[in-house]
Amino acid sequence: MNSKLINTVRWKFIYAFLLSGILTAVILYGGSQVGQTILEAQAYPDYSIPAQGIRWLVNNIGSVPLMIVVGVLGFVLFFSCSLVR
Protein backbone atom coordinates (compact mmCIF):
# COMPACT_ATOMS: atom_id res chain seq x y z
CA MET A 1 0.00 0.00 0.00
CA ASN A 2 1.25 3.44 -0.86
CA SER A 3 2.22 5.61 2.12
CA LYS A 4 0.51 8.63 0.48
CA LEU A 5 -2.78 6.75 0.65
CA ILE A 6 -2.43 6.10 4.40
CA ASN A 7 -1.83 9.78 5.12
CA THR A 8 -4.97 11.01 3.40
CA VAL A 9 -7.79 12.58 5.36
CA ARG A 10 -10.14 9.71 4.53
CA TRP A 11 -7.84 7.09 6.08
CA LYS A 12 -7.26 9.25 9.14
CA PHE A 13 -11.03 9.42 9.67
CA ILE A 14 -11.35 5.66 9.16
CA TYR A 15 -8.57 4.94 11.67
CA ALA A 16 -10.05 7.39 14.18
CA PHE A 17 -13.49 5.79 13.76
CA LEU A 18 -12.19 2.25 14.23
CA LEU A 19 -10.00 3.17 17.18
CA SER A 20 -12.89 5.02 18.83
CA GLY A 21 -15.20 2.05 18.35
CA ILE A 22 -12.70 -0.40 19.81
CA LEU A 23 -11.94 1.80 22.81
CA THR A 24 -15.65 2.36 23.45
CA ALA A 25 -16.35 -1.39 23.33
CA VAL A 26 -13.54 -2.10 25.79
CA ILE A 27 -14.73 0.63 28.17
CA LEU A 28 -18.34 -0.58 27.99
CA TYR A 29 -17.33 -4.18 28.66
CA GLY A 30 -15.16 -3.18 31.62
CA GLY A 31 -17.86 -0.87 32.93
CA SER A 32 -20.49 -3.58 32.72
CA GLN A 33 -18.25 -6.00 34.62
CA VAL A 34 -17.57 -3.43 37.34
CA GLY A 35 -21.27 -2.57 37.49
CA GLN A 36 -22.23 -6.22 37.88
CA THR A 37 -19.71 -6.61 40.68
CA ILE A 38 -21.07 -3.55 42.45
CA LEU A 39 -24.67 -4.68 42.04
CA GLU A 40 -23.84 -8.13 43.41
CA ALA A 41 -22.52 -6.48 46.57
CA GLN A 42 -25.99 -5.25 47.52
CA ALA A 43 -26.04 -7.50 50.57
CA TYR A 44 -23.62 -5.17 52.34
CA PRO A 45 -25.52 -2.22 53.87
CA ASP A 46 -22.52 0.11 54.09
CA TYR A 47 -21.15 0.03 50.56
CA SER A 48 -19.75 3.20 49.01
CA ILE A 49 -21.63 6.20 47.64
CA PRO A 50 -20.58 5.57 43.98
CA ALA A 51 -21.91 2.03 44.32
CA GLN A 52 -25.20 3.43 45.65
CA GLY A 53 -25.35 5.82 42.68
CA ILE A 54 -24.75 3.08 40.13
CA ARG A 55 -27.31 0.87 41.87
CA TRP A 56 -29.88 3.69 41.78
CA LEU A 57 -29.23 4.39 38.08
CA VAL A 58 -29.53 0.74 37.08
CA ASN A 59 -32.62 0.13 39.19
CA ASN A 60 -34.47 3.30 38.10
CA ILE A 61 -33.29 3.88 34.53
CA GLY A 62 -32.05 0.46 33.45
CA SER A 63 -28.71 -0.86 32.33
CA VAL A 64 -29.38 -0.78 28.57
CA PRO A 65 -30.19 2.96 28.31
CA LEU A 66 -27.29 3.69 30.66
CA MET A 67 -24.86 1.74 28.46
CA ILE A 68 -26.19 3.42 25.32
CA VAL A 69 -25.63 6.89 26.77
CA VAL A 70 -22.17 6.00 28.10
CA GLY A 71 -21.25 4.35 24.78
CA VAL A 72 -22.32 7.32 22.66
CA LEU A 73 -20.55 9.80 24.93
CA GLY A 74 -17.42 7.65 25.02
CA PHE A 75 -17.38 7.25 21.25
CA VAL A 76 -17.77 10.99 20.67
CA LEU A 77 -15.04 11.73 23.21
CA PHE A 78 -12.59 9.21 21.77
CA PHE A 79 -13.35 10.22 18.18
CA SER A 80 -12.88 13.93 18.85
CA CYS A 81 -9.67 13.34 20.84
CA SER A 82 -8.19 11.18 18.10
CA LEU A 83 -8.88 13.81 15.44
CA VAL A 84 -7.35 16.67 17.43
CA ARG A 85 -3.87 15.20 17.47
PDB file of N, CA and C in Angstrom:
ATOM      1  N   MET A   1       0.836  -1.174   0.000  1.00  0.00           N
ATOM      2  CA  MET A   1       0.000   0.000   0.000  1.00  0.00           C
ATOM      3  C   MET A   1       0.885   1.243   0.000  1.00  0.00           C
ATOM      4  N   ASN A   2       0.497   2.209  -0.735  1.00  0.00           N
ATOM      5  CA  ASN A   2       1.255   3.441  -0.863  1.00  0.00           C
ATOM      6  C   ASN A   2       1.128   4.266   0.416  1.00  0.00           C
ATOM      7  N   SER A   3       2.251   4.839   0.879  1.00  0.00           N
ATOM      8  CA  SER A   3       2.217   5.614   2.122  1.00  0.00           C
ATOM      9  C   SER A   3       1.442   6.921   1.949  1.00  0.00           C
ATOM     10  N   LYS A   4       1.329   7.432   0.713  1.00  0.00           N
ATOM     11  CA  LYS A   4       0.514   8.631   0.484  1.00  0.00           C
ATOM     12  C   LYS A   4      -0.962   8.342   0.763  1.00  0.00           C
ATOM     13  N   LEU A   5      -1.387   7.127   0.443  1.00  0.00           N
ATOM     14  CA  LEU A   5      -2.776   6.750   0.653  1.00  0.00           C
ATOM     15  C   LEU A   5      -3.110   6.695   2.146  1.00  0.00           C
ATOM     16  N   ILE A   6      -2.187   6.212   2.964  1.00  0.00           N
ATOM     17  CA  ILE A   6      -2.425   6.101   4.403  1.00  0.00           C
ATOM     18  C   ILE A   6      -2.524   7.481   5.039  1.00  0.00           C
ATOM     19  N   ASN A   7      -1.847   8.456   4.525  1.00  0.00           N
ATOM     20  CA  ASN A   7      -1.826   9.784   5.125  1.00  0.00           C
ATOM     21  C   ASN A   7      -2.945  10.696   4.636  1.00  0.00           C
ATOM     22  N   THR A   8      -3.869  10.176   3.852  1.00  0.00           N
ATOM     23  CA  THR A   8      -4.969  11.013   3.396  1.00  0.00           C
ATOM     24  C   THR A   8      -5.972  11.233   4.522  1.00  0.00           C
ATOM     25  N   VAL A   9      -6.806  12.232   4.345  1.00  0.00           N
ATOM     26  CA  VAL A   9      -7.791  12.577   5.358  1.00  0.00           C
ATOM     27  C   VAL A   9      -8.799  11.450   5.535  1.00  0.00           C
ATOM     28  N   ARG A  10      -9.177  10.799   4.456  1.00  0.00           N
ATOM     29  CA  ARG A  10     -10.143   9.708   4.529  1.00  0.00           C
ATOM     30  C   ARG A  10      -9.638   8.591   5.428  1.00  0.00           C
ATOM     31  N   TRP A  11      -8.381   8.178   5.266  1.00  0.00           N
ATOM     32  CA  TRP A  11      -7.840   7.094   6.076  1.00  0.00           C
ATOM     33  C   TRP A  11      -7.679   7.516   7.528  1.00  0.00           C
ATOM     34  N   LYS A  12      -7.349   8.779   7.757  1.00  0.00           N
ATOM     35  CA  LYS A  12      -7.257   9.253   9.136  1.00  0.00           C
ATOM     36  C   LYS A  12      -8.620   9.178   9.817  1.00  0.00           C
ATOM     37  N   PHE A  13      -9.691   9.532   9.108  1.00  0.00           N
ATOM     38  CA  PHE A  13     -11.035   9.423   9.672  1.00  0.00           C
ATOM     39  C   PHE A  13     -11.404   7.957   9.917  1.00  0.00           C
ATOM     40  N   ILE A  14     -11.041   7.079   8.994  1.00  0.00           N
ATOM     41  CA  ILE A  14     -11.351   5.660   9.164  1.00  0.00           C
ATOM     42  C   ILE A  14     -10.614   5.095  10.367  1.00  0.00           C
ATOM     43  N   TYR A  15      -9.330   5.414  10.517  1.00  0.00           N
ATOM     44  CA  TYR A  15      -8.568   4.937  11.665  1.00  0.00           C
ATOM     45  C   TYR A  15      -9.127   5.501  12.965  1.00  0.00           C
ATOM     46  N   ALA A  16      -9.478   6.777  12.971  1.00  0.00           N
ATOM     47  CA  ALA A  16     -10.047   7.386  14.175  1.00  0.00           C
ATOM     48  C   ALA A  16     -11.375   6.736  14.530  1.00  0.00           C
ATOM     49  N   PHE A  17     -12.195   6.438  13.526  1.00  0.00           N
ATOM     50  CA  PHE A  17     -13.486   5.793  13.760  1.00  0.00           C
ATOM     51  C   PHE A  17     -13.304   4.395  14.338  1.00  0.00           C
ATOM     52  N   LEU A  18     -12.423   3.603  13.749  1.00  0.00           N
ATOM     53  CA  LEU A  18     -12.187   2.247  14.232  1.00  0.00           C
ATOM     54  C   LEU A  18     -11.587   2.235  15.632  1.00  0.00           C
ATOM     55  N   LEU A  19     -10.616   3.101  15.860  1.00  0.00           N
ATOM     56  CA  LEU A  19      -9.999   3.174  17.181  1.00  0.00           C
ATOM     57  C   LEU A  19     -11.011   3.606  18.235  1.00  0.00           C
ATOM     58  N   SER A  20     -11.859   4.561  17.895  1.00  0.00           N
ATOM     59  CA  SER A  20     -12.885   5.019  18.832  1.00  0.00           C
ATOM     60  C   SER A  20     -13.882   3.909  19.139  1.00  0.00           C
ATOM     61  N   GLY A  21     -14.278   3.158  18.132  1.00  0.00           N
ATOM     62  CA  GLY A  21     -15.198   2.050  18.346  1.00  0.00           C
ATOM     63  C   GLY A  21     -14.611   0.964  19.226  1.00  0.00           C
ATOM     64  N   ILE A  22     -13.352   0.632  19.007  1.00  0.00           N
ATOM     65  CA  ILE A  22     -12.699  -0.398  19.809  1.00  0.00           C
ATOM     66  C   ILE A  22     -12.547   0.051  21.256  1.00  0.00           C
ATOM     67  N   LEU A  23     -12.094   1.286  21.453  1.00  0.00           N
ATOM     68  CA  LEU A  23     -11.941   1.801  22.815  1.00  0.00           C
ATOM     69  C   LEU A  23     -13.278   1.876  23.540  1.00  0.00           C
ATOM     70  N   THR A  24     -14.321   2.281  22.846  1.00  0.00           N
ATOM     71  CA  THR A  24     -15.648   2.359  23.453  1.00  0.00           C
ATOM     72  C   THR A  24     -16.133   0.970  23.851  1.00  0.00           C
ATOM     73  N   ALA A  25     -15.921  -0.025  23.000  1.00  0.00           N
ATOM     74  CA  ALA A  25     -16.346  -1.391  23.327  1.00  0.00           C
ATOM     75  C   ALA A  25     -15.605  -1.918  24.551  1.00  0.00           C
ATOM     76  N   VAL A  26     -14.315  -1.644  24.642  1.00  0.00           N
ATOM     77  CA  VAL A  26     -13.540  -2.102  25.792  1.00  0.00           C
ATOM     78  C   VAL A  26     -14.014  -1.414  27.072  1.00  0.00           C
ATOM     79  N   ILE A  27     -14.253  -0.108  27.005  1.00  0.00           N
ATOM     80  CA  ILE A  27     -14.726   0.633  28.174  1.00  0.00           C
ATOM     81  C   ILE A  27     -16.111   0.149  28.597  1.00  0.00           C
ATOM     82  N   LEU A  28     -17.007  -0.090  27.642  1.00  0.00           N
ATOM     83  CA  LEU A  28     -18.339  -0.580  27.987  1.00  0.00           C
ATOM     84  C   LEU A  28     -18.287  -1.974  28.612  1.00  0.00           C
ATOM     85  N   TYR A  29     -17.445  -2.838  28.091  1.00  0.00           N
ATOM     86  CA  TYR A  29     -17.328  -4.178  28.665  1.00  0.00           C
ATOM     87  C   TYR A  29     -16.781  -4.098  30.092  1.00  0.00           C
ATOM     88  N   GLY A  30     -15.724  -3.332  30.273  1.00  0.00           N
ATOM     89  CA  GLY A  30     -15.164  -3.176  31.618  1.00  0.00           C
ATOM     90  C   GLY A  30     -16.146  -2.530  32.571  1.00  0.00           C
ATOM     91  N   GLY A  31     -16.865  -1.525  32.095  1.00  0.00           N
ATOM     92  CA  GLY A  31     -17.861  -0.873  32.934  1.00  0.00           C
ATOM     93  C   GLY A  31     -18.997  -1.795  33.316  1.00  0.00           C
ATOM     94  N   SER A  32     -19.410  -2.646  32.390  1.00  0.00           N
ATOM     95  CA  SER A  32     -20.487  -3.585  32.721  1.00  0.00           C
ATOM     96  C   SER A  32     -20.017  -4.616  33.737  1.00  0.00           C
ATOM     97  N   GLN A  33     -18.773  -5.044  33.640  1.00  0.00           N
ATOM     98  CA  GLN A  33     -18.246  -5.997  34.616  1.00  0.00           C
ATOM     99  C   GLN A  33     -18.133  -5.365  36.000  1.00  0.00           C
ATOM    100  N   VAL A  34     -17.666  -4.132  36.057  1.00  0.00           N
ATOM    101  CA  VAL A  34     -17.573  -3.429  37.338  1.00  0.00           C
ATOM    102  C   VAL A  34     -18.965  -3.180  37.901  1.00  0.00           C
ATOM    103  N   GLY A  35     -19.897  -2.798  37.047  1.00  0.00           N
ATOM    104  CA  GLY A  35     -21.269  -2.568  37.485  1.00  0.00           C
ATOM    105  C   GLY A  35     -21.915  -3.821  38.038  1.00  0.00           C
ATOM    106  N   GLN A  36     -21.686  -4.952  37.385  1.00  0.00           N
ATOM    107  CA  GLN A  36     -22.234  -6.218  37.884  1.00  0.00           C
ATOM    108  C   GLN A  36     -21.643  -6.575  39.234  1.00  0.00           C
ATOM    109  N   THR A  37     -20.349  -6.329  39.398  1.00  0.00           N
ATOM    110  CA  THR A  37     -19.709  -6.612  40.677  1.00  0.00           C
ATOM    111  C   THR A  37     -20.285  -5.729  41.778  1.00  0.00           C
ATOM    112  N   ILE A  38     -20.507  -4.469  41.461  1.00  0.00           N
ATOM    113  CA  ILE A  38     -21.070  -3.548  42.452  1.00  0.00           C
ATOM    114  C   ILE A  38     -22.502  -3.938  42.790  1.00  0.00           C
ATOM    115  N   LEU A  39     -23.283  -4.306  41.782  1.00  0.00           N
ATOM    116  CA  LEU A  39     -24.674  -4.676  42.039  1.00  0.00           C
ATOM    117  C   LEU A  39     -24.791  -5.988  42.811  1.00  0.00           C
ATOM    118  N   GLU A  40     -23.818  -6.879  42.650  1.00  0.00           N
ATOM    119  CA  GLU A  40     -23.844  -8.125  43.408  1.00  0.00           C
ATOM    120  C   GLU A  40     -23.498  -7.906  44.872  1.00  0.00           C
ATOM    121  N   ALA A  41     -22.894  -6.779  45.190  1.00  0.00           N
ATOM    122  CA  ALA A  41     -22.516  -6.484  46.568  1.00  0.00           C
ATOM    123  C   ALA A  41     -23.633  -5.759  47.309  1.00  0.00           C
ATOM    124  N   GLN A  42     -24.864  -5.924  46.892  1.00  0.00           N
ATOM    125  CA  GLN A  42     -25.988  -5.245  47.523  1.00  0.00           C
ATOM    126  C   GLN A  42     -26.265  -5.764  48.923  1.00  0.00           C
ATOM    127  N   ALA A  43     -25.767  -6.932  49.256  1.00  0.00           N
ATOM    128  CA  ALA A  43     -26.036  -7.503  50.573  1.00  0.00           C
ATOM    129  C   ALA A  43     -25.355  -6.712  51.680  1.00  0.00           C
ATOM    130  N   TYR A  44     -24.340  -5.942  51.334  1.00  0.00           N
ATOM    131  CA  TYR A  44     -23.625  -5.166  52.340  1.00  0.00           C
ATOM    132  C   TYR A  44     -24.311  -3.816  52.502  1.00  0.00           C
ATOM    133  N   PRO A  45     -24.769  -3.462  53.700  1.00  0.00           N
ATOM    134  CA  PRO A  45     -25.524  -2.215  53.874  1.00  0.00           C
ATOM    135  C   PRO A  45     -24.661  -0.959  53.828  1.00  0.00           C
ATOM    136  N   ASP A  46     -23.360  -1.086  54.012  1.00  0.00           N
ATOM    137  CA  ASP A  46     -22.518   0.110  54.086  1.00  0.00           C
ATOM    138  C   ASP A  46     -21.555   0.230  52.906  1.00  0.00           C
ATOM    139  N   TYR A  47     -22.025  -0.112  51.713  1.00  0.00           N
ATOM    140  CA  TYR A  47     -21.145   0.031  50.565  1.00  0.00           C
ATOM    141  C   TYR A  47     -21.067   1.499  50.145  1.00  0.00           C
ATOM    142  N   SER A  48     -20.132   1.821  49.287  1.00  0.00           N
ATOM    143  CA  SER A  48     -19.755   3.203  49.014  1.00  0.00           C
ATOM    144  C   SER A  48     -20.837   3.989  48.281  1.00  0.00           C
ATOM    145  N   ILE A  49     -20.671   5.298  48.292  1.00  0.00           N
ATOM    146  CA  ILE A  49     -21.626   6.201  47.639  1.00  0.00           C
ATOM    147  C   ILE A  49     -21.643   6.009  46.115  1.00  0.00           C
ATOM    148  N   PRO A  50     -20.491   5.844  45.429  1.00  0.00           N
ATOM    149  CA  PRO A  50     -20.579   5.565  43.982  1.00  0.00           C
ATOM    150  C   PRO A  50     -21.336   4.282  43.681  1.00  0.00           C
ATOM    151  N   ALA A  51     -21.168   3.274  44.528  1.00  0.00           N
ATOM    152  CA  ALA A  51     -21.910   2.030  44.318  1.00  0.00           C
ATOM    153  C   ALA A  51     -23.405   2.263  44.494  1.00  0.00           C
ATOM    154  N   GLN A  52     -23.786   3.099  45.452  1.00  0.00           N
ATOM    155  CA  GLN A  52     -25.196   3.425  45.645  1.00  0.00           C
ATOM    156  C   GLN A  52     -25.741   4.176  44.435  1.00  0.00           C
ATOM    157  N   GLY A  53     -24.926   5.077  43.865  1.00  0.00           N
ATOM    158  CA  GLY A  53     -25.351   5.818  42.682  1.00  0.00           C
ATOM    159  C   GLY A  53     -25.552   4.927  41.475  1.00  0.00           C
ATOM    160  N   ILE A  54     -24.621   4.011  41.256  1.00  0.00           N
ATOM    161  CA  ILE A  54     -24.748   3.081  40.131  1.00  0.00           C
ATOM    162  C   ILE A  54     -25.962   2.189  40.333  1.00  0.00           C
ATOM    163  N   ARG A  55     -26.150   1.721  41.574  1.00  0.00           N
ATOM    164  CA  ARG A  55     -27.315   0.874  41.866  1.00  0.00           C
ATOM    165  C   ARG A  55     -28.608   1.627  41.596  1.00  0.00           C
ATOM    166  N   TRP A  56     -28.672   2.901  42.009  1.00  0.00           N
ATOM    167  CA  TRP A  56     -29.878   3.694  41.784  1.00  0.00           C
ATOM    168  C   TRP A  56     -30.132   3.873  40.284  1.00  0.00           C
ATOM    169  N   LEU A  57     -29.081   4.197  39.524  1.00  0.00           N
ATOM    170  CA  LEU A  57     -29.235   4.390  38.078  1.00  0.00           C
ATOM    171  C   LEU A  57     -29.732   3.122  37.395  1.00  0.00           C
ATOM    172  N   VAL A  58     -29.135   1.984  37.720  1.00  0.00           N
ATOM    173  CA  VAL A  58     -29.526   0.738  37.075  1.00  0.00           C
ATOM    174  C   VAL A  58     -30.941   0.335  37.483  1.00  0.00           C
ATOM    175  N   ASN A  59     -31.288   0.525  38.735  1.00  0.00           N
ATOM    176  CA  ASN A  59     -32.617   0.127  39.192  1.00  0.00           C
ATOM    177  C   ASN A  59     -33.717   1.056  38.684  1.00  0.00           C
ATOM    178  N   ASN A  60     -33.439   2.343  38.511  1.00  0.00           N
ATOM    179  CA  ASN A  60     -34.471   3.298  38.102  1.00  0.00           C
ATOM    180  C   ASN A  60     -34.493   3.587  36.606  1.00  0.00           C
ATOM    181  N   ILE A  61     -33.349   3.582  35.969  1.00  0.00           N
ATOM    182  CA  ILE A  61     -33.289   3.884  34.534  1.00  0.00           C
ATOM    183  C   ILE A  61     -33.148   2.604  33.723  1.00  0.00           C
ATOM    184  N   GLY A  62     -32.305   1.706  34.175  1.00  0.00           N
ATOM    185  CA  GLY A  62     -32.047   0.462  33.452  1.00  0.00           C
ATOM    186  C   GLY A  62     -30.619   0.434  32.940  1.00  0.00           C
ATOM    187  N   SER A  63     -30.100  -0.746  32.750  1.00  0.00           N
ATOM    188  CA  SER A  63     -28.709  -0.858  32.329  1.00  0.00           C
ATOM    189  C   SER A  63     -28.532  -0.601  30.834  1.00  0.00           C
ATOM    190  N   VAL A  64     -29.518  -0.964  30.018  1.00  0.00           N
ATOM    191  CA  VAL A  64     -29.382  -0.780  28.565  1.00  0.00           C
ATOM    192  C   VAL A  64     -29.343   0.707  28.187  1.00  0.00           C
ATOM    193  N   PRO A  65     -30.290   1.543  28.646  1.00  0.00           N
ATOM    194  CA  PRO A  65     -30.187   2.963  28.314  1.00  0.00           C
ATOM    195  C   PRO A  65     -28.922   3.607  28.880  1.00  0.00           C
ATOM    196  N   LEU A  66     -28.506   3.152  30.061  1.00  0.00           N
ATOM    197  CA  LEU A  66     -27.289   3.689  30.658  1.00  0.00           C
ATOM    198  C   LEU A  66     -26.073   3.358  29.808  1.00  0.00           C
ATOM    199  N   MET A  67     -25.988   2.127  29.314  1.00  0.00           N
ATOM    200  CA  MET A  67     -24.859   1.735  28.463  1.00  0.00           C
ATOM    201  C   MET A  67     -24.907   2.445  27.113  1.00  0.00           C
ATOM    202  N   ILE A  68     -26.083   2.694  26.587  1.00  0.00           N
ATOM    203  CA  ILE A  68     -26.194   3.418  25.320  1.00  0.00           C
ATOM    204  C   ILE A  68     -25.672   4.839  25.482  1.00  0.00           C
ATOM    205  N   VAL A  69     -26.080   5.508  26.544  1.00  0.00           N
ATOM    206  CA  VAL A  69     -25.631   6.891  26.773  1.00  0.00           C
ATOM    207  C   VAL A  69     -24.118   6.928  26.997  1.00  0.00           C
ATOM    208  N   VAL A  70     -23.610   6.033  27.834  1.00  0.00           N
ATOM    209  CA  VAL A  70     -22.169   5.997  28.098  1.00  0.00           C
ATOM    210  C   VAL A  70     -21.403   5.645  26.818  1.00  0.00           C
ATOM    211  N   GLY A  71     -21.924   4.730  26.027  1.00  0.00           N
ATOM    212  CA  GLY A  71     -21.255   4.350  24.781  1.00  0.00           C
ATOM    213  C   GLY A  71     -21.201   5.479  23.777  1.00  0.00           C
ATOM    214  N   VAL A  72     -22.300   6.197  23.610  1.00  0.00           N
ATOM    215  CA  VAL A  72     -22.320   7.318  22.664  1.00  0.00           C
ATOM    216  C   VAL A  72     -21.382   8.426  23.133  1.00  0.00           C
ATOM    217  N   LEU A  73     -21.444   8.760  24.413  1.00  0.00           N
ATOM    218  CA  LEU A  73     -20.554   9.803  24.933  1.00  0.00           C
ATOM    219  C   LEU A  73     -19.085   9.391  24.833  1.00  0.00           C
ATOM    220  N   GLY A  74     -18.802   8.131  25.139  1.00  0.00           N
ATOM    221  CA  GLY A  74     -17.425   7.646  25.024  1.00  0.00           C
ATOM    222  C   GLY A  74     -16.924   7.667  23.595  1.00  0.00           C
ATOM    223  N   PHE A  75     -17.787   7.244  22.655  1.00  0.00           N
ATOM    224  CA  PHE A  75     -17.375   7.246  21.249  1.00  0.00           C
ATOM    225  C   PHE A  75     -17.093   8.667  20.763  1.00  0.00           C
ATOM    226  N   VAL A  76     -17.967   9.597  21.095  1.00  0.00           N
ATOM    227  CA  VAL A  76     -17.765  10.992  20.670  1.00  0.00           C
ATOM    228  C   VAL A  76     -16.487  11.546  21.287  1.00  0.00           C
ATOM    229  N   LEU A  77     -16.253  11.256  22.551  1.00  0.00           N
ATOM    230  CA  LEU A  77     -15.041  11.735  23.213  1.00  0.00           C
ATOM    231  C   LEU A  77     -13.793  11.154  22.569  1.00  0.00           C
ATOM    232  N   PHE A  78     -13.764   9.839  22.373  1.00  0.00           N
ATOM    233  CA  PHE A  78     -12.587   9.214  21.766  1.00  0.00           C
ATOM    234  C   PHE A  78     -12.382   9.660  20.324  1.00  0.00           C
ATOM    235  N   PHE A  79     -13.471   9.809  19.577  1.00  0.00           N
ATOM    236  CA  PHE A  79     -13.348  10.225  18.179  1.00  0.00           C
ATOM    237  C   PHE A  79     -12.823  11.646  18.075  1.00  0.00           C
ATOM    238  N   SER A  80     -13.337  12.549  18.914  1.00  0.00           N
ATOM    239  CA  SER A  80     -12.883  13.933  18.846  1.00  0.00           C
ATOM    240  C   SER A  80     -11.434  14.061  19.330  1.00  0.00           C
ATOM    241  N   CYS A  81     -11.060  13.279  20.350  1.00  0.00           N
ATOM    242  CA  CYS A  81      -9.672  13.338  20.835  1.00  0.00           C
ATOM    243  C   CYS A  81      -8.705  12.771  19.808  1.00  0.00           C
ATOM    244  N   SER A  82      -9.099  11.754  19.075  1.00  0.00           N
ATOM    245  CA  SER A  82      -8.194  11.181  18.098  1.00  0.00           C
ATOM    246  C   SER A  82      -8.033  12.068  16.863  1.00  0.00           C
ATOM    247  N   LEU A  83      -9.025  12.901  16.588  1.00  0.00           N
ATOM    248  CA  LEU A  83      -8.880  13.810  15.444  1.00  0.00           C
ATOM    249  C   LEU A  83      -8.095  15.060  15.769  1.00  0.00           C
ATOM    250  N   VAL A  84      -8.035  15.436  17.034  1.00  0.00           N
ATOM    251  CA  VAL A  84      -7.346  16.666  17.427  1.00  0.00           C
ATOM    252  C   VAL A  84      -5.851  16.526  17.253  1.00  0.00           C
ATOM    253  N   ARG A  85      -5.334  15.362  17.548  1.00  0.00           N
ATOM    254  CA  ARG A  85      -3.870  15.200  17.469  1.00  0.00           C
ATOM    255  C   ARG A  85      -3.457  15.288  16.054  1.00  0.00           C
TER     256      ARG A  85
END
